[in-house]
Amino acid sequence: MEPVIRELDALDAGGDSFRYHIHRDGSPTLPSLGNVSFETIEDTLARVANLLDAANAEVSHLIDVKAEMDAAYGEAGI
């Protein structure tokens, strides 16, 4: 996934060119890009979403574990 992010960053570091197809002067924003595969973009974004969901689940789990440990040690007077 990192290679895809690096490639997108190399093409459009600011993100404006992917939002707008022309500059204010009328010139194309990404003239050398060629065809874009929306299936590939969809697949990559789905993988990113899955990764973020997994990270969110792990962080939530660790927060729950910490809360349980705090409660257990608090009751034990430690």
N, C-alpha and C. Protein backbone atom coordinates (compact mmCIF):
# COMPACT_ATOMS: atom_id res chain seq x y z
N MET A 1 0.82 -1.18 0.00
CA MET A 1 0.00 0.00 0.00
C MET A 1 0.87 1.26 0.00
N GLU A 2 1.98 1.21 0.70
CA GLU A 2 2.87 2.36 0.75
C GLU A 2 3.35 2.79 -0.63
N PRO A 3 3.69 1.84 -1.53
CA PRO A 3 4.11 2.26 -2.87
C PRO A 3 3.02 3.06 -3.61
N VAL A 4 1.76 2.69 -3.40
CA VAL A 4 0.66 3.40 -4.05
C VAL A 4 0.57 4.83 -3.51
N ILE A 5 0.69 4.97 -2.20
CA ILE A 5 0.62 6.30 -1.59
C ILE A 5 1.79 7.15 -2.06
N ARG A 6 2.97 6.57 -2.14
CA ARG A 6 4.14 7.31 -2.63
C ARG A 6 3.95 7.75 -4.09
N GLU A 7 3.36 6.88 -4.89
CA GLU A 7 3.13 7.21 -6.29
C GLU A 7 2.13 8.36 -6.42
N LEU A 8 1.05 8.30 -5.65
CA LEU A 8 0.07 9.37 -5.68
C LEU A 8 0.68 10.68 -5.20
N ASP A 9 1.51 10.61 -4.17
CA ASP A 9 2.17 11.80 -3.66
C ASP A 9 3.12 12.39 -4.69
N ALA A 10 3.82 11.52 -5.43
CA ALA A 10 4.74 12.00 -6.46
C ALA A 10 3.98 12.69 -7.60
N LEU A 11 2.79 12.20 -7.91
CA LEU A 11 1.98 12.79 -8.97
C LEU A 11 1.35 14.12 -8.55
N ASP A 12 0.93 14.18 -7.28
CA ASP A 12 0.16 15.35 -6.84
C ASP A 12 0.31 15.52 -5.34
N ALA A 13 1.43 16.08 -4.92
CA ALA A 13 1.72 16.22 -3.48
C ALA A 13 0.67 17.04 -2.74
N GLY A 14 0.13 18.06 -3.37
CA GLY A 14 -0.86 18.91 -2.71
C GLY A 14 -2.28 18.38 -2.78
N GLY A 15 -2.55 17.46 -3.68
CA GLY A 15 -3.88 16.88 -3.82
C GLY A 15 -4.83 17.68 -4.69
N ASP A 16 -4.42 18.84 -5.14
CA ASP A 16 -5.32 19.68 -5.95
C ASP A 16 -5.55 19.11 -7.34
N SER A 17 -4.52 18.51 -7.92
CA SER A 17 -4.63 18.03 -9.30
C SER A 17 -5.62 16.89 -9.45
N PHE A 18 -5.79 16.09 -8.42
CA PHE A 18 -6.77 15.01 -8.49
C PHE A 18 -8.19 15.53 -8.27
N ARG A 19 -8.32 16.71 -7.67
CA ARG A 19 -9.64 17.29 -7.46
C ARG A 19 -10.11 18.08 -8.66
N TYR A 20 -9.18 18.73 -9.34
CA TYR A 20 -9.54 19.61 -10.45
C TYR A 20 -8.79 19.18 -11.70
N HIS A 21 -9.48 19.08 -12.81
CA HIS A 21 -8.85 18.57 -14.03
C HIS A 21 -8.08 19.64 -14.80
N ILE A 22 -8.33 20.92 -14.47
CA ILE A 22 -7.57 21.99 -15.14
C ILE A 22 -7.13 23.03 -14.11
N HIS A 23 -6.03 23.72 -14.42
CA HIS A 23 -5.57 24.84 -13.61
C HIS A 23 -6.41 26.06 -13.95
N ARG A 24 -6.23 27.12 -13.19
CA ARG A 24 -6.99 28.36 -13.45
C ARG A 24 -6.69 28.93 -14.83
N ASP A 25 -5.49 28.64 -15.35
CA ASP A 25 -5.14 29.16 -16.68
C ASP A 25 -5.68 28.27 -17.81
N GLY A 26 -6.38 27.18 -17.47
CA GLY A 26 -6.97 26.29 -18.47
C GLY A 26 -6.10 25.11 -18.86
N SER A 27 -4.87 25.05 -18.36
CA SER A 27 -3.99 23.93 -18.69
C SER A 27 -4.37 22.71 -17.86
N PRO A 28 -4.17 21.50 -18.41
CA PRO A 28 -4.53 20.29 -17.67
C PRO A 28 -3.63 20.10 -16.44
N THR A 29 -4.21 19.57 -15.37
CA THR A 29 -3.44 19.39 -14.13
C THR A 29 -2.53 18.17 -14.17
N LEU A 30 -2.94 17.12 -14.80
CA LEU A 30 -2.14 15.89 -14.86
C LEU A 30 -2.06 15.39 -16.30
N PRO A 31 -1.39 16.13 -17.19
CA PRO A 31 -1.40 15.77 -18.60
C PRO A 31 -0.72 14.44 -18.90
N SER A 32 0.23 14.02 -18.09
CA SER A 32 0.96 12.78 -18.38
C SER A 32 0.38 11.55 -17.68
N LEU A 33 -0.71 11.73 -16.97
CA LEU A 33 -1.26 10.63 -16.18
C LEU A 33 -1.85 9.53 -17.05
N GLY A 34 -2.55 9.88 -18.10
CA GLY A 34 -3.18 8.86 -18.94
C GLY A 34 -4.47 8.35 -18.33
N ASN A 35 -4.77 7.09 -18.63
CA ASN A 35 -6.01 6.49 -18.13
C ASN A 35 -5.89 6.12 -16.65
N VAL A 36 -6.99 6.27 -15.95
CA VAL A 36 -7.05 5.93 -14.53
C VAL A 36 -7.98 4.74 -14.38
N SER A 37 -7.52 3.73 -13.67
CA SER A 37 -8.35 2.55 -13.42
C SER A 37 -9.10 2.75 -12.11
N PHE A 38 -10.40 3.01 -12.24
CA PHE A 38 -11.20 3.22 -11.04
C PHE A 38 -11.34 1.94 -10.23
N GLU A 39 -11.24 0.79 -10.88
CA GLU A 39 -11.29 -0.47 -10.15
C GLU A 39 -10.07 -0.59 -9.24
N THR A 40 -8.91 -0.18 -9.74
CA THR A 40 -7.69 -0.23 -8.93
C THR A 40 -7.78 0.75 -7.77
N ILE A 41 -8.30 1.93 -8.05
CA ILE A 41 -8.45 2.92 -6.99
C ILE A 41 -9.42 2.41 -5.92
N GLU A 42 -10.53 1.84 -6.37
CA GLU A 42 -11.51 1.31 -5.43
C GLU A 42 -10.90 0.20 -4.57
N ASP A 43 -10.15 -0.70 -5.19
CA ASP A 43 -9.51 -1.79 -4.47
C ASP A 43 -8.51 -1.25 -3.44
N THR A 44 -7.71 -0.30 -3.86
CA THR A 44 -6.70 0.26 -2.96
C THR A 44 -7.35 0.99 -1.79
N LEU A 45 -8.38 1.77 -2.06
CA LEU A 45 -9.07 2.47 -0.98
C LEU A 45 -9.77 1.50 -0.03
N ALA A 46 -10.27 0.40 -0.56
CA ALA A 46 -10.89 -0.62 0.29
C ALA A 46 -9.84 -1.24 1.21
N ARG A 47 -8.64 -1.48 0.67
CA ARG A 47 -7.58 -2.03 1.51
C ARG A 47 -7.15 -1.04 2.58
N VAL A 48 -7.08 0.24 2.22
CA VAL A 48 -6.74 1.27 3.21
C VAL A 48 -7.81 1.32 4.30
N ALA A 49 -9.07 1.26 3.90
CA ALA A 49 -10.17 1.28 4.87
C ALA A 49 -10.09 0.07 5.80
N ASN A 50 -9.77 -1.10 5.26
CA ASN A 50 -9.63 -2.30 6.09
C ASN A 50 -8.49 -2.15 7.09
N LEU A 51 -7.38 -1.58 6.63
CA LEU A 51 -6.24 -1.37 7.51
C LEU A 51 -6.61 -0.41 8.64
N LEU A 52 -7.30 0.68 8.30
CA LEU A 52 -7.70 1.65 9.32
C LEU A 52 -8.73 1.06 10.28
N ASP A 53 -9.64 0.24 9.78
CA ASP A 53 -10.61 -0.43 10.65
C ASP A 53 -9.90 -1.35 11.64
N ALA A 54 -8.91 -2.09 11.15
CA ALA A 54 -8.15 -3.00 12.02
C ALA A 54 -7.37 -2.21 13.07
N ALA A 55 -6.76 -1.12 12.66
CA ALA A 55 -6.02 -0.29 13.62
C ALA A 55 -6.97 0.29 14.67
N ASN A 56 -8.14 0.73 14.23
CA ASN A 56 -9.13 1.26 15.16
C ASN A 56 -9.58 0.19 16.16
N ALA A 57 -9.81 -1.02 15.68
CA ALA A 57 -10.22 -2.11 16.56
C ALA A 57 -9.13 -2.43 17.58
N GLU A 58 -7.88 -2.44 17.14
CA GLU A 58 -6.77 -2.73 18.05
C GLU A 58 -6.63 -1.64 19.11
N VAL A 59 -6.70 -0.38 18.71
CA VAL A 59 -6.59 0.71 19.68
C VAL A 59 -7.76 0.66 20.66
N SER A 60 -8.95 0.41 20.17
CA SER A 60 -10.12 0.30 21.06
C SER A 60 -9.93 -0.83 22.06
N HIS A 61 -9.42 -1.95 21.58
CA HIS A 61 -9.17 -3.09 22.47
C HIS A 61 -8.15 -2.73 23.53
N LEU A 62 -7.07 -2.09 23.14
CA LEU A 62 -6.03 -1.71 24.11
C LEU A 62 -6.55 -0.70 25.13
N ILE A 63 -7.41 0.20 24.71
CA ILE A 63 -8.02 1.15 25.64
C ILE A 63 -8.89 0.40 26.64
N ASP A 64 -9.66 -0.58 26.16
CA ASP A 64 -10.49 -1.40 27.06
C ASP A 64 -9.63 -2.18 28.05
N VAL A 65 -8.54 -2.77 27.58
CA VAL A 65 -7.64 -3.53 28.45
C VAL A 65 -7.06 -2.61 29.52
N LYS A 66 -6.64 -1.42 29.12
CA LYS A 66 -6.08 -0.47 30.08
C LYS A 66 -7.12 -0.10 31.12
N ALA A 67 -8.36 0.16 30.69
CA ALA A 67 -9.42 0.51 31.64
C ALA A 67 -9.67 -0.63 32.62
N GLU A 68 -9.66 -1.87 32.13
CA GLU A 68 -9.85 -3.03 33.00
C GLU A 68 -8.70 -3.16 33.99
N MET A 69 -7.47 -2.94 33.51
CA MET A 69 -6.30 -3.02 34.41
C MET A 69 -6.35 -1.91 35.46
N ASP A 70 -6.72 -0.71 35.04
CA ASP A 70 -6.83 0.40 35.98
C ASP A 70 -7.86 0.09 37.05
N ALA A 71 -8.98 -0.47 36.64
CA ALA A 71 -10.04 -0.82 37.59
C ALA A 71 -9.58 -1.93 38.53
N ALA A 72 -8.91 -2.94 38.01
CA ALA A 72 -8.45 -4.06 38.83
C ALA A 72 -7.39 -3.60 39.82
N TYR A 73 -6.44 -2.82 39.37
CA TYR A 73 -5.39 -2.35 40.28
C TYR A 73 -5.94 -1.32 41.25
N GLY A 74 -6.91 -0.56 40.83
CA GLY A 74 -7.53 0.42 41.74
C GLY A 74 -8.26 -0.27 42.86
N GLU A 75 -8.94 -1.37 42.56
CA GLU A 75 -9.65 -2.14 43.58
C GLU A 75 -8.69 -2.84 44.52
N ALA A 76 -7.51 -3.21 44.03
CA ALA A 76 -6.53 -3.92 44.83
C ALA A 76 -5.73 -2.97 45.71
N GLY A 77 -5.88 -1.67 45.47
CA GLY A 77 -5.16 -0.68 46.29
C GLY A 77 -3.71 -0.54 45.90
N ILE A 78 -3.38 -0.92 44.65
CA ILE A 78 -1.98 -0.82 44.21
C ILE A 78 -1.74 0.52 43.56
